[in-house]
Amino acid sequence: MNMVAILRRLFLALVISNTALHASAQSLDGLCLDTVEEGCMPRFLPFYGNSVDFCEETCSLEKPVNVRGLDGVLYDLSCRADYDTSLDGSRIMLLTQMNWEGRRSMYWISANDTIKIVACP
């Protein structure tokens, strides 16, 4: 193996390890899910670290994986209902998009919903 091939492999290993660290380091403190209207919970649901409380459950974002070709991170959703039942098995993606004016917006995307993530009021 020549020196160029060795350097390429080393560079690729560094890029992959940096990408994995970036995915796991995303803090959501200070951000809220904007549910648009109130129901059994307030309109703005704050993140606490990588967790968020819904009506009758608390969910944590685990095992982050960057999505190739998108500014997004895929997570396993680990939830516990208020009555101590585990509700694991769902996946969500946090996706950041840029509009034509250069403004960035972040979204929580699940199989059932797309919810905008905003700075908590």
PDB file of N, CA and C in Angstrom:
ATOM      1  N   MET A   1       0.851  -1.164   0.000  1.00  0.00           N
ATOM      2  CA  MET A   1       0.000   0.000   0.000  1.00  0.00           C
ATOM      3  C   MET A   1       0.906   1.239   0.000  1.00  0.00           C
ATOM      4  N   ASN A   2       0.633   2.168  -0.926  1.00  0.00           N
ATOM      5  CA  ASN A   2       1.483   3.352  -0.991  1.00  0.00           C
ATOM      6  C   ASN A   2       1.056   4.414   0.016  1.00  0.00           C
ATOM      7  N   MET A   3       1.863   5.436   0.165  1.00  0.00           N
ATOM      8  CA  MET A   3       1.642   6.479   1.169  1.00  0.00           C
ATOM      9  C   MET A   3       0.335   7.234   0.913  1.00  0.00           C
ATOM     10  N   VAL A   4      -0.035   7.478  -0.330  1.00  0.00           N
ATOM     11  CA  VAL A   4      -1.271   8.193  -0.649  1.00  0.00           C
ATOM     12  C   VAL A   4      -2.481   7.387  -0.164  1.00  0.00           C
ATOM     13  N   ALA A   5      -2.482   6.098  -0.386  1.00  0.00           N
ATOM     14  CA  ALA A   5      -3.590   5.245   0.058  1.00  0.00           C
ATOM     15  C   ALA A   5      -3.687   5.237   1.581  1.00  0.00           C
ATOM     16  N   ILE A   6      -2.554   5.193   2.254  1.00  0.00           N
ATOM     17  CA  ILE A   6      -2.552   5.219   3.716  1.00  0.00           C
ATOM     18  C   ILE A   6      -3.127   6.536   4.228  1.00  0.00           C
ATOM     19  N   LEU A   7      -2.702   7.648   3.627  1.00  0.00           N
ATOM     20  CA  LEU A   7      -3.208   8.957   4.049  1.00  0.00           C
ATOM     21  C   LEU A   7      -4.704   9.089   3.776  1.00  0.00           C
ATOM     22  N   ARG A   8      -5.169   8.560   2.662  1.00  0.00           N
ATOM     23  CA  ARG A   8      -6.607   8.588   2.364  1.00  0.00           C
ATOM     24  C   ARG A   8      -7.404   7.828   3.418  1.00  0.00           C
ATOM     25  N   ARG A   9      -6.936   6.650   3.785  1.00  0.00           N
ATOM     26  CA  ARG A   9      -7.626   5.862   4.806  1.00  0.00           C
ATOM     27  C   ARG A   9      -7.628   6.571   6.157  1.00  0.00           C
ATOM     28  N   LEU A  10      -6.503   7.179   6.506  1.00  0.00           N
ATOM     29  CA  LEU A  10      -6.418   7.915   7.759  1.00  0.00           C
ATOM     30  C   LEU A  10      -7.380   9.099   7.751  1.00  0.00           C
ATOM     31  N   PHE A  11      -7.416   9.835   6.645  1.00  0.00           N
ATOM     32  CA  PHE A  11      -8.325  10.973   6.526  1.00  0.00           C
ATOM     33  C   PHE A  11      -9.779  10.517   6.625  1.00  0.00           C
ATOM     34  N   LEU A  12     -10.119   9.432   5.939  1.00  0.00           N
ATOM     35  CA  LEU A  12     -11.477   8.909   5.979  1.00  0.00           C
ATOM     36  C   LEU A  12     -11.852   8.484   7.404  1.00  0.00           C
ATOM     37  N   ALA A  13     -10.948   7.853   8.116  1.00  0.00           N
ATOM     38  CA  ALA A  13     -11.211   7.447   9.499  1.00  0.00           C
ATOM     39  C   ALA A  13     -11.450   8.672  10.382  1.00  0.00           C
ATOM     40  N   LEU A  14     -10.680   9.728  10.178  1.00  0.00           N
ATOM     41  CA  LEU A  14     -10.878  10.957  10.955  1.00  0.00           C
ATOM     42  C   LEU A  14     -12.220  11.604  10.649  1.00  0.00           C
ATOM     43  N   VAL A  15     -12.602  11.649   9.385  1.00  0.00           N
ATOM     44  CA  VAL A  15     -13.889  12.231   9.001  1.00  0.00           C
ATOM     45  C   VAL A  15     -15.035  11.435   9.614  1.00  0.00           C
ATOM     46  N   ILE A  16     -14.968  10.119   9.539  1.00  0.00           N
ATOM     47  CA  ILE A  16     -16.030   9.270  10.083  1.00  0.00           C
ATOM     48  C   ILE A  16     -16.123   9.451  11.599  1.00  0.00           C
ATOM     49  N   SER A  17     -15.003   9.468  12.304  1.00  0.00           N
ATOM     50  CA  SER A  17     -15.057   9.620  13.760  1.00  0.00           C
ATOM     51  C   SER A  17     -15.557  11.002  14.139  1.00  0.00           C
ATOM     52  N   ASN A  18     -15.190  12.045  13.401  1.00  0.00           N
ATOM     53  CA  ASN A  18     -15.676  13.392  13.682  1.00  0.00           C
ATOM     54  C   ASN A  18     -17.171  13.486  13.425  1.00  0.00           C
ATOM     55  N   THR A  19     -17.668  12.833  12.381  1.00  0.00           N
ATOM     56  CA  THR A  19     -19.099  12.829  12.083  1.00  0.00           C
ATOM     57  C   THR A  19     -19.871  12.149  13.205  1.00  0.00           C
ATOM     58  N   ALA A  20     -19.384  11.048  13.710  1.00  0.00           N
ATOM     59  CA  ALA A  20     -20.068  10.350  14.796  1.00  0.00           C
ATOM     60  C   ALA A  20     -20.100  11.204  16.053  1.00  0.00           C
ATOM     61  N   LEU A  21     -18.999  11.924  16.339  1.00  0.00           N
ATOM     62  CA  LEU A  21     -18.983  12.793  17.502  1.00  0.00           C
ATOM     63  C   LEU A  21     -19.957  13.945  17.328  1.00  0.00           C
ATOM     64  N   HIS A  22     -20.038  14.507  16.138  1.00  0.00           N
ATOM     65  CA  HIS A  22     -20.956  15.613  15.872  1.00  0.00           C
ATOM     66  C   HIS A  22     -22.405  15.177  16.085  1.00  0.00           C
ATOM     67  N   ALA A  23     -22.743  14.004  15.643  1.00  0.00           N
ATOM     68  CA  ALA A  23     -24.122  13.526  15.778  1.00  0.00           C
ATOM     69  C   ALA A  23     -24.499  13.363  17.238  1.00  0.00           C
ATOM     70  N   SER A  24     -23.600  12.886  18.063  1.00  0.00           N
ATOM     71  CA  SER A  24     -23.945  12.639  19.452  1.00  0.00           C
ATOM     72  C   SER A  24     -23.859  13.898  20.309  1.00  0.00           C
ATOM     73  N   ALA A  25     -23.237  14.962  19.798  1.00  0.00           N
ATOM     74  CA  ALA A  25     -23.006  16.148  20.612  1.00  0.00           C
ATOM     75  C   ALA A  25     -24.115  17.183  20.499  1.00  0.00           C
ATOM     76  N   GLN A  26     -25.112  16.962  19.695  1.00  0.00           N
ATOM     77  CA  GLN A  26     -26.147  17.962  19.466  1.00  0.00           C
ATOM     78  C   GLN A  26     -26.980  18.186  20.725  1.00  0.00           C
ATOM     79  N   SER A  27     -26.916  19.396  21.262  1.00  0.00           N
ATOM     80  CA  SER A  27     -27.710  19.738  22.444  1.00  0.00           C
ATOM     81  C   SER A  27     -28.987  20.443  21.998  1.00  0.00           C
ATOM     82  N   LEU A  28     -30.086  20.075  22.605  1.00  0.00           N
ATOM     83  CA  LEU A  28     -31.381  20.675  22.266  1.00  0.00           C
ATOM     84  C   LEU A  28     -31.877  21.601  23.364  1.00  0.00           C
ATOM     85  N   ASP A  29     -31.044  21.846  24.379  1.00  0.00           N
ATOM     86  CA  ASP A  29     -31.433  22.762  25.454  1.00  0.00           C
ATOM     87  C   ASP A  29     -31.787  24.123  24.863  1.00  0.00           C
ATOM     88  N   GLY A  30     -32.876  24.709  25.373  1.00  0.00           N
ATOM     89  CA  GLY A  30     -33.322  26.015  24.900  1.00  0.00           C
ATOM     90  C   GLY A  30     -34.234  25.953  23.695  1.00  0.00           C
ATOM     91  N   LEU A  31     -34.451  24.728  23.160  1.00  0.00           N
ATOM     92  CA  LEU A  31     -35.335  24.559  22.009  1.00  0.00           C
ATOM     93  C   LEU A  31     -36.635  23.891  22.434  1.00  0.00           C
ATOM     94  N   CYS A  32     -37.696  24.162  21.677  1.00  0.00           N
ATOM     95  CA  CYS A  32     -39.018  23.602  21.969  1.00  0.00           C
ATOM     96  C   CYS A  32     -39.651  23.043  20.700  1.00  0.00           C
ATOM     97  N   LEU A  33     -40.452  22.004  20.854  1.00  0.00           N
ATOM     98  CA  LEU A  33     -41.333  21.559  19.787  1.00  0.00           C
ATOM     99  C   LEU A  33     -42.520  22.512  19.761  1.00  0.00           C
ATOM    100  N   ASP A  34     -42.844  23.056  18.598  1.00  0.00           N
ATOM    101  CA  ASP A  34     -44.003  23.947  18.456  1.00  0.00           C
ATOM    102  C   ASP A  34     -45.168  23.109  17.942  1.00  0.00           C
ATOM    103  N   THR A  35     -46.054  22.719  18.861  1.00  0.00           N
ATOM    104  CA  THR A  35     -47.185  21.865  18.485  1.00  0.00           C
ATOM    105  C   THR A  35     -48.333  22.652  17.865  1.00  0.00           C
ATOM    106  N   VAL A  36     -48.173  23.968  17.697  1.00  0.00           N
ATOM    107  CA  VAL A  36     -49.094  24.901  17.057  1.00  0.00           C
ATOM    108  C   VAL A  36     -50.289  25.258  17.944  1.00  0.00           C
ATOM    109  N   GLU A  37     -50.842  24.292  18.659  1.00  0.00           N
ATOM    110  CA  GLU A  37     -51.958  24.608  19.543  1.00  0.00           C
ATOM    111  C   GLU A  37     -51.866  23.767  20.811  1.00  0.00           C
ATOM    112  N   GLU A  38     -52.522  24.253  21.836  1.00  0.00           N
ATOM    113  CA  GLU A  38     -52.517  23.538  23.108  1.00  0.00           C
ATOM    114  C   GLU A  38     -53.544  22.421  23.088  1.00  0.00           C
ATOM    115  N   GLY A  39     -53.274  21.384  23.835  1.00  0.00           N
ATOM    116  CA  GLY A  39     -54.207  20.273  24.011  1.00  0.00           C
ATOM    117  C   GLY A  39     -54.031  19.807  25.438  1.00  0.00           C
ATOM    118  N   CYS A  40     -53.599  18.568  25.606  1.00  0.00           N
ATOM    119  CA  CYS A  40     -53.307  18.063  26.947  1.00  0.00           C
ATOM    120  C   CYS A  40     -51.941  18.555  27.416  1.00  0.00           C
ATOM    121  N   MET A  41     -51.272  19.336  26.586  1.00  0.00           N
ATOM    122  CA  MET A  41     -49.953  19.878  26.905  1.00  0.00           C
ATOM    123  C   MET A  41     -49.877  21.290  26.344  1.00  0.00           C
ATOM    124  N   PRO A  42     -48.933  22.087  26.809  1.00  0.00           N
ATOM    125  CA  PRO A  42     -48.805  23.442  26.265  1.00  0.00           C
ATOM    126  C   PRO A  42     -48.345  23.416  24.811  1.00  0.00           C
ATOM    127  N   ARG A  43     -48.489  24.550  24.123  1.00  0.00           N
ATOM    128  CA  ARG A  43     -48.099  24.632  22.713  1.00  0.00           C
ATOM    129  C   ARG A  43     -46.613  24.343  22.534  1.00  0.00           C
ATOM    130  N   PHE A  44     -45.763  24.911  23.389  1.00  0.00           N
ATOM    131  CA  PHE A  44     -44.318  24.755  23.252  1.00  0.00           C
ATOM    132  C   PHE A  44     -43.815  23.733  24.265  1.00  0.00           C
ATOM    133  N   LEU A  45     -43.231  22.648  23.758  1.00  0.00           N
ATOM    134  CA  LEU A  45     -42.714  21.572  24.611  1.00  0.00           C
ATOM    135  C   LEU A  45     -41.188  21.661  24.643  1.00  0.00           C
ATOM    136  N   PRO A  46     -40.605  22.030  25.797  1.00  0.00           N
ATOM    137  CA  PRO A  46     -39.152  22.216  25.866  1.00  0.00           C
ATOM    138  C   PRO A  46     -38.387  20.899  25.915  1.00  0.00           C
ATOM    139  N   PHE A  47     -37.215  20.920  25.315  1.00  0.00           N
ATOM    140  CA  PHE A  47     -36.271  19.812  25.441  1.00  0.00           C
ATOM    141  C   PHE A  47     -35.477  20.020  26.719  1.00  0.00           C
ATOM    142  N   TYR A  48     -35.203  18.933  27.415  1.00  0.00           N
ATOM    143  CA  TYR A  48     -34.328  18.921  28.573  1.00  0.00           C
ATOM    144  C   TYR A  48     -33.198  17.970  28.219  1.00  0.00           C
ATOM    145  N   GLY A  49     -32.062  18.536  27.807  1.00  0.00           N
ATOM    146  CA  GLY A  49     -31.003  17.693  27.266  1.00  0.00           C
ATOM    147  C   GLY A  49     -31.511  17.097  25.966  1.00  0.00           C
ATOM    148  N   ASN A  50     -31.563  15.790  25.878  1.00  0.00           N
ATOM    149  CA  ASN A  50     -32.110  15.113  24.696  1.00  0.00           C
ATOM    150  C   ASN A  50     -33.442  14.438  25.010  1.00  0.00           C
ATOM    151  N   SER A  51     -34.196  15.003  25.955  1.00  0.00           N
ATOM    152  CA  SER A  51     -35.501  14.456  26.322  1.00  0.00           C
ATOM    153  C   SER A  51     -36.579  15.517  26.182  1.00  0.00           C
ATOM    154  N   VAL A  52     -37.814  15.058  25.978  1.00  0.00           N
ATOM    155  CA  VAL A  52     -38.969  15.949  25.891  1.00  0.00           C
ATOM    156  C   VAL A  52     -40.158  15.237  26.524  1.00  0.00           C
ATOM    157  N   ASP A  53     -41.006  16.007  27.214  1.00  0.00           N
ATOM    158  CA  ASP A  53     -42.203  15.451  27.863  1.00  0.00           C
ATOM    159  C   ASP A  53     -43.426  15.705  27.001  1.00  0.00           C
ATOM    160  N   PHE A  54     -44.198  14.651  26.758  1.00  0.00           N
ATOM    161  CA  PHE A  54     -45.468  14.753  26.058  1.00  0.00           C
ATOM    162  C   PHE A  54     -46.592  14.576  27.070  1.00  0.00           C
ATOM    163  N   CYS A  55     -47.842  14.402  26.601  1.00  0.00           N
ATOM    164  CA  CYS A  55     -49.000  14.292  27.501  1.00  0.00           C
ATOM    165  C   CYS A  55     -48.787  13.278  28.614  1.00  0.00           C
ATOM    166  N   GLU A  56     -48.517  12.060  28.267  1.00  0.00           N
ATOM    167  CA  GLU A  56     -48.410  11.001  29.271  1.00  0.00           C
ATOM    168  C   GLU A  56     -47.131  10.186  29.130  1.00  0.00           C
ATOM    169  N   GLU A  57     -46.090  10.819  28.550  1.00  0.00           N
ATOM    170  CA  GLU A  57     -44.841  10.100  28.386  1.00  0.00           C
ATOM    171  C   GLU A  57     -43.667  11.059  28.288  1.00  0.00           C
ATOM    172  N   THR A  58     -42.503  10.547  28.627  1.00  0.00           N
ATOM    173  CA  THR A  58     -41.247  11.265  28.462  1.00  0.00           C
ATOM    174  C   THR A  58     -40.413  10.472  27.482  1.00  0.00           C
ATOM    175  N   CYS A  59     -39.866  11.152  26.471  1.00  0.00           N
ATOM    176  CA  CYS A  59     -39.091  10.468  25.439  1.00  0.00           C
ATOM    177  C   CYS A  59     -37.679  11.024  25.376  1.00  0.00           C
ATOM    178  N   SER A  60     -36.714  10.140  25.163  1.00  0.00           N
ATOM    179  CA  SER A  60     -35.315  10.520  25.008  1.00  0.00           C
ATOM    180  C   SER A  60     -34.841  10.124  23.617  1.00  0.00           C
ATOM    181  N   LEU A  61     -33.995  10.970  23.055  1.00  0.00           N
ATOM    182  CA  LEU A  61     -33.394  10.697  21.750  1.00  0.00           C
ATOM    183  C   LEU A  61     -32.085   9.957  21.993  1.00  0.00           C
ATOM    184  N   GLU A  62     -31.953   8.778  21.388  1.00  0.00           N
ATOM    185  CA  GLU A  62     -30.787   7.934  21.622  1.00  0.00           C
ATOM    186  C   GLU A  62     -30.185   7.454  20.314  1.00  0.00           C
ATOM    187  N   LYS A  63     -28.931   7.050  20.373  1.00  0.00           N
ATOM    188  CA  LYS A  63     -28.196   6.450  19.252  1.00  0.00           C
ATOM    189  C   LYS A  63     -28.271   7.313  17.992  1.00  0.00           C
ATOM    190  N   PRO A  64     -27.730   8.545  18.030  1.00  0.00           N
ATOM    191  CA  PRO A  64     -27.792   9.424  16.864  1.00  0.00           C
ATOM    192  C   PRO A  64     -26.965   8.904  15.692  1.00  0.00           C
ATOM    193  N   VAL A  65     -27.514   9.058  14.494  1.00  0.00           N
ATOM    194  CA  VAL A  65     -26.820   8.679  13.265  1.00  0.00           C
ATOM    195  C   VAL A  65     -27.048   9.797  12.253  1.00  0.00           C
ATOM    196  N   ASN A  66     -25.969  10.372  11.748  1.00  0.00           N
ATOM    197  CA  ASN A  66     -26.106  11.402  10.726  1.00  0.00           C
ATOM    198  C   ASN A  66     -26.729  10.814   9.472  1.00  0.00           C
ATOM    199  N   VAL A  67     -27.553  11.606   8.794  1.00  0.00           N
ATOM    200  CA  VAL A  67     -28.190  11.183   7.551  1.00  0.00           C
ATOM    201  C   VAL A  67     -27.352  11.719   6.394  1.00  0.00           C
ATOM    202  N   ARG A  68     -26.850  10.818   5.591  1.00  0.00           N
ATOM    203  CA  ARG A  68     -26.000  11.201   4.477  1.00  0.00           C
ATOM    204  C   ARG A  68     -26.777  12.037   3.468  1.00  0.00           C
ATOM    205  N   GLY A  69     -26.196  13.148   3.037  1.00  0.00           N
ATOM    206  CA  GLY A  69     -26.799  13.981   1.998  1.00  0.00           C
ATOM    207  C   GLY A  69     -27.827  14.974   2.524  1.00  0.00           C
ATOM    208  N   LEU A  70     -28.112  14.936   3.823  1.00  0.00           N
ATOM    209  CA  LEU A  70     -29.073  15.864   4.434  1.00  0.00           C
ATOM    210  C   LEU A  70     -28.460  16.427   5.703  1.00  0.00           C
ATOM    211  N   ASP A  71     -28.933  17.577   6.130  1.00  0.00           N
ATOM    212  CA  ASP A  71     -28.523  18.128   7.409  1.00  0.00           C
ATOM    213  C   ASP A  71     -29.486  17.582   8.463  1.00  0.00           C
ATOM    214  N   GLY A  72     -29.373  16.286   8.713  1.00  0.00           N
ATOM    215  CA  GLY A  72     -30.304  15.617   9.616  1.00  0.00           C
ATOM    216  C   GLY A  72     -29.626  14.543  10.429  1.00  0.00           C
ATOM    217  N   VAL A  73     -30.249  14.233  11.565  1.00  0.00           N
ATOM    218  CA  VAL A  73     -29.768  13.171  12.445  1.00  0.00           C
ATOM    219  C   VAL A  73     -30.946  12.269  12.769  1.00  0.00           C
ATOM    220  N   LEU A  74     -30.762  10.978  12.599  1.00  0.00           N
ATOM    221  CA  LEU A  74     -31.780   9.970  12.892  1.00  0.00           C
ATOM    222  C   LEU A  74     -31.554   9.454  14.311  1.00  0.00           C
ATOM    223  N   TYR A  75     -32.642   9.333  15.083  1.00  0.00           N
ATOM    224  CA  TYR A  75     -32.555   8.877  16.471  1.00  0.00           C
ATOM    225  C   TYR A  75     -33.525   7.730  16.717  1.00  0.00           C
ATOM    226  N   ASP A  76     -33.132   6.844  17.648  1.00  0.00           N
ATOM    227  CA  ASP A  76     -34.083   5.918  18.245  1.00  0.00           C
ATOM    228  C   ASP A  76     -34.789   6.695  19.336  1.00  0.00           C
ATOM    229  N   LEU A  77     -36.086   6.516  19.446  1.00  0.00           N
ATOM    230  CA  LEU A  77     -36.870   7.205  20.457  1.00  0.00           C
ATOM    231  C   LEU A  77     -37.173   6.229  21.581  1.00  0.00           C
ATOM    232  N   SER A  78     -36.690   6.537  22.769  1.00  0.00           N
ATOM    233  CA  SER A  78     -36.920   5.701  23.938  1.00  0.00           C
ATOM    234  C   SER A  78     -37.882   6.444  24.852  1.00  0.00           C
ATOM    235  N   CYS A  79     -39.079   5.902  25.025  1.00  0.00           N
ATOM    236  CA  CYS A  79     -40.128   6.593  25.791  1.00  0.00           C
ATOM    237  C   CYS A  79     -40.590   5.756  26.969  1.00  0.00           C
ATOM    238  N   ARG A  80     -40.983   6.465  28.009  1.00  0.00           N
ATOM    239  CA  ARG A  80     -41.565   5.823  29.181  1.00  0.00           C
ATOM    240  C   ARG A  80     -42.849   6.567  29.499  1.00  0.00           C
ATOM    241  N   ALA A  81     -43.934   5.817  29.553  1.00  0.00           N
ATOM    242  CA  ALA A  81     -45.235   6.404  29.877  1.00  0.00           C
ATOM    243  C   ALA A  81     -45.284   6.743  31.363  1.00  0.00           C
ATOM    244  N   ASP A  82     -46.169   7.657  31.708  1.00  0.00           N
ATOM    245  CA  ASP A  82     -46.315   8.056  33.105  1.00  0.00           C
ATOM    246  C   ASP A  82     -46.658   6.875  34.006  1.00  0.00           C
ATOM    247  N   TYR A  83     -47.249   5.841  33.447  1.00  0.00           N
ATOM    248  CA  TYR A  83     -47.618   4.661  34.223  1.00  0.00           C
ATOM    249  C   TYR A  83     -46.545   3.580  34.132  1.00  0.00           C
ATOM    250  N   ASP A  84     -45.286   3.992  33.871  1.00  0.00           N
ATOM    251  CA  ASP A  84     -44.087   3.142  33.909  1.00  0.00           C
ATOM    252  C   ASP A  84     -44.023   2.048  32.845  1.00  0.00           C
ATOM    253  N   THR A  85     -44.682   2.242  31.726  1.00  0.00           N
ATOM    254  CA  THR A  85     -44.609   1.278  30.634  1.00  0.00           C
ATOM    255  C   THR A  85     -43.620   1.779  29.589  1.00  0.00           C
ATOM    256  N   SER A  86     -42.741   0.914  29.147  1.00  0.00           N
ATOM    257  CA  SER A  86     -41.778   1.272  28.117  1.00  0.00           C
ATOM    258  C   SER A  86     -42.471   1.324  26.760  1.00  0.00           C
ATOM    259  N   LEU A  87     -42.188   2.371  25.977  1.00  0.00           N
ATOM    260  CA  LEU A  87     -42.817   2.544  24.662  1.00  0.00           C
ATOM    261  C   LEU A  87     -41.757   2.664  23.582  1.00  0.00           C
ATOM    262  N   ASP A  88     -40.673   1.932  23.700  1.00  0.00           N
ATOM    263  CA  ASP A  88     -39.558   2.044  22.766  1.00  0.00           C
ATOM    264  C   ASP A  88     -39.907   1.477  21.398  1.00  0.00           C
ATOM    265  N   GLY A  89     -39.097   1.839  20.419  1.00  0.00           N
ATOM    266  CA  GLY A  89     -39.243   1.254  19.093  1.00  0.00           C
ATOM    267  C   GLY A  89     -39.444   2.252  17.973  1.00  0.00           C
ATOM    268  N   SER A  90     -39.804   3.483  18.296  1.00  0.00           N
ATOM    269  CA  SER A  90     -40.009   4.487  17.251  1.00  0.00           C
ATOM    270  C   SER A  90     -38.684   5.125  16.859  1.00  0.00           C
ATOM    271  N   ARG A  91     -38.675   5.742  15.695  1.00  0.00           N
ATOM    272  CA  ARG A  91     -37.507   6.492  15.235  1.00  0.00           C
ATOM    273  C   ARG A  91     -37.980   7.862  14.795  1.00  0.00           C
ATOM    274  N   ILE A  92     -37.130   8.843  14.987  1.00  0.00           N
ATOM    275  CA  ILE A  92     -37.430  10.183  14.491  1.00  0.00           C
ATOM    276  C   ILE A  92     -36.168  10.754  13.849  1.00  0.00           C
ATOM    277  N   MET A  93     -36.378  11.791  13.038  1.00  0.00           N
ATOM    278  CA  MET A  93     -35.254  12.492  12.449  1.00  0.00           C
ATOM    279  C   MET A  93     -35.385  13.964  12.806  1.00  0.00           C
ATOM    280  N   LEU A  94     -34.284  14.573  13.215  1.00  0.00           N
ATOM    281  CA  LEU A  94     -34.216  16.016  13.352  1.00  0.00           C
ATOM    282  C   LEU A  94     -33.550  16.524  12.083  1.00  0.00           C
ATOM    283  N   LEU A  95     -34.283  17.324  11.327  1.00  0.00           N
ATOM    284  CA  LEU A  95     -33.811  17.792  10.021  1.00  0.00           C
ATOM    285  C   LEU A  95     -33.753  19.308  10.013  1.00  0.00           C
ATOM    286  N   THR A  96     -32.638  19.843   9.566  1.00  0.00           N
ATOM    287  CA  THR A  96     -32.497  21.285   9.401  1.00  0.00           C
ATOM    288  C   THR A  96     -32.548  21.586   7.908  1.00  0.00           C
ATOM    289  N   GLN A  97     -33.406  22.548   7.557  1.00  0.00           N
ATOM    290  CA  GLN A  97     -33.566  22.949   6.160  1.00  0.00           C
ATOM    291  C   GLN A  97     -33.289  24.435   6.034  1.00  0.00           C
ATOM    292  N   MET A  98     -32.832  24.852   4.856  1.00  0.00           N
ATOM    293  CA  MET A  98     -32.611  26.256   4.580  1.00  0.00           C
ATOM    294  C   MET A  98     -33.567  26.684   3.468  1.00  0.00           C
ATOM    295  N   ASN A  99     -34.282  27.806   3.704  1.00  0.00           N
ATOM    296  CA  ASN A  99     -35.211  28.278   2.671  1.00  0.00           C
ATOM    297  C   ASN A  99     -34.471  29.149   1.660  1.00  0.00           C
ATOM    298  N   TRP A 100     -35.189  29.677   0.692  1.00  0.00           N
ATOM    299  CA  TRP A 100     -34.586  30.462  -0.387  1.00  0.00           C
ATOM    300  C   TRP A 100     -33.947  31.748   0.118  1.00  0.00           C
ATOM    301  N   GLU A 101     -34.382  32.223   1.267  1.00  0.00           N
ATOM    302  CA  GLU A 101     -33.836  33.456   1.837  1.00  0.00           C
ATOM    303  C   GLU A 101     -32.640  33.188   2.753  1.00  0.00           C
ATOM    304  N   GLY A 102     -32.239  31.932   2.874  1.00  0.00           N
ATOM    305  CA  GLY A 102     -31.087  31.569   3.690  1.00  0.00           C
ATOM    306  C   GLY A 102     -31.411  31.356   5.159  1.00  0.00           C
ATOM    307  N   ARG A 103     -32.674  31.342   5.520  1.00  0.00           N
ATOM    308  CA  ARG A 103     -33.071  31.087   6.912  1.00  0.00           C
ATOM    309  C   ARG A 103     -33.139  29.585   7.154  1.00  0.00           C
ATOM    310  N   ARG A 104     -32.612  29.190   8.309  1.00  0.00           N
ATOM    311  CA  ARG A 104     -32.607  27.769   8.665  1.00  0.00           C
ATOM    312  C   ARG A 104     -33.764  27.462   9.602  1.00  0.00           C
ATOM    313  N   SER A 105     -34.395  26.332   9.390  1.00  0.00           N
ATOM    314  CA  SER A 105     -35.465  25.844  10.250  1.00  0.00           C
ATOM    315  C   SER A 105     -35.183  24.386  10.580  1.00  0.00           C
ATOM    316  N   MET A 106     -35.539  23.988  11.805  1.00  0.00           N
ATOM    317  CA  MET A 106     -35.329  22.610  12.241  1.00  0.00           C
ATOM    318  C   MET A 106     -36.680  21.948  12.473  1.00  0.00           C
ATOM    319  N   TYR A 107     -36.761  20.661  12.126  1.00  0.00           N
ATOM    320  CA  TYR A 107     -38.009  19.906  12.242  1.00  0.00           C
ATOM    321  C   TYR A 107     -37.782  18.565  12.923  1.00  0.00           C
ATOM    322  N   TRP A 108     -38.813  18.134  13.656  1.00  0.00           N
ATOM    323  CA  TRP A 108     -38.911  16.798  14.257  1.00  0.00           C
ATOM    324  C   TRP A 108     -39.793  16.021  13.301  1.00  0.00           C
ATOM    325  N   ILE A 109     -39.269  14.974  12.697  1.00  0.00           N
ATOM    326  CA  ILE A 109     -40.032  14.210  11.715  1.00  0.00           C
ATOM    327  C   ILE A 109     -40.162  12.772  12.205  1.00  0.00           C
ATOM    328  N   SER A 110     -41.422  12.340  12.351  1.00  0.00           N
ATOM    329  CA  SER A 110     -41.695  10.959  12.734  1.00  0.00           C
ATOM    330  C   SER A 110     -42.562  10.337  11.642  1.00  0.00           C
ATOM    331  N   ALA A 111     -42.966   9.107  11.861  1.00  0.00           N
ATOM    332  CA  ALA A 111     -43.846   8.446  10.886  1.00  0.00           C
ATOM    333  C   ALA A 111     -45.209   9.118  10.825  1.00  0.00           C
ATOM    334  N   ASN A 112     -45.597   9.848  11.890  1.00  0.00           N
ATOM    335  CA  ASN A 112     -46.928  10.437  11.964  1.00  0.00           C
ATOM    336  C   ASN A 112     -46.961  11.955  11.917  1.00  0.00           C
ATOM    337  N   ASP A 113     -45.854  12.630  12.239  1.00  0.00           N
ATOM    338  CA  ASP A 113     -45.880  14.077  12.385  1.00  0.00           C
ATOM    339  C   ASP A 113     -44.619  14.731  11.839  1.00  0.00           C
ATOM    340  N   THR A 114     -44.758  15.989  11.479  1.00  0.00           N
ATOM    341  CA  THR A 114     -43.624  16.884  11.238  1.00  0.00           C
ATOM    342  C   THR A 114     -43.897  18.113  12.086  1.00  0.00           C
ATOM    343  N   ILE A 115     -43.013  18.358  13.063  1.00  0.00           N
ATOM    344  CA  ILE A 115     -43.206  19.435  14.019  1.00  0.00           C
ATOM    345  C   ILE A 115     -41.997  20.353  13.957  1.00  0.00           C
ATOM    346  N   LYS A 116     -42.249  21.649  13.859  1.00  0.00           N
ATOM    347  CA  LYS A 116     -41.174  22.620  13.808  1.00  0.00           C
ATOM    348  C   LYS A 116     -40.534  22.742  15.193  1.00  0.00           C
ATOM    349  N   ILE A 117     -39.221  22.873  15.218  1.00  0.00           N
ATOM    350  CA  ILE A 117     -38.467  23.094  16.449  1.00  0.00           C
ATOM    351  C   ILE A 117     -38.043  24.558  16.445  1.00  0.00           C
ATOM    352  N   VAL A 118     -38.349  25.254  17.541  1.00  0.00           N
ATOM    353  CA  VAL A 118     -38.092  26.689  17.630  1.00  0.00           C
ATOM    354  C   VAL A 118     -37.365  26.992  18.949  1.00  0.00           C
ATOM    355  N   ALA A 119     -36.826  28.203  19.053  1.00  0.00           N
ATOM    356  CA  ALA A 119     -36.294  28.654  20.337  1.00  0.00           C
ATOM    357  C   ALA A 119     -37.474  28.781  21.297  1.00  0.00           C
ATOM    358  N   CYS A 120     -37.310  28.313  22.517  1.00  0.00           N
ATOM    359  CA  CYS A 120     -38.415  28.391  23.490  1.00  0.00           C
ATOM    360  C   CYS A 120     -38.732  29.854  23.795  1.00  0.00           C
ATOM    361  N   PRO A 121     -40.015  30.169  23.851  1.00  0.00           N
ATOM    362  CA  PRO A 121     -40.391  31.558  24.175  1.00  0.00           C
ATOM    363  C   PRO A 121     -40.143  31.874  25.650  1.00  0.00           C
TER     364      PRO A 121
END
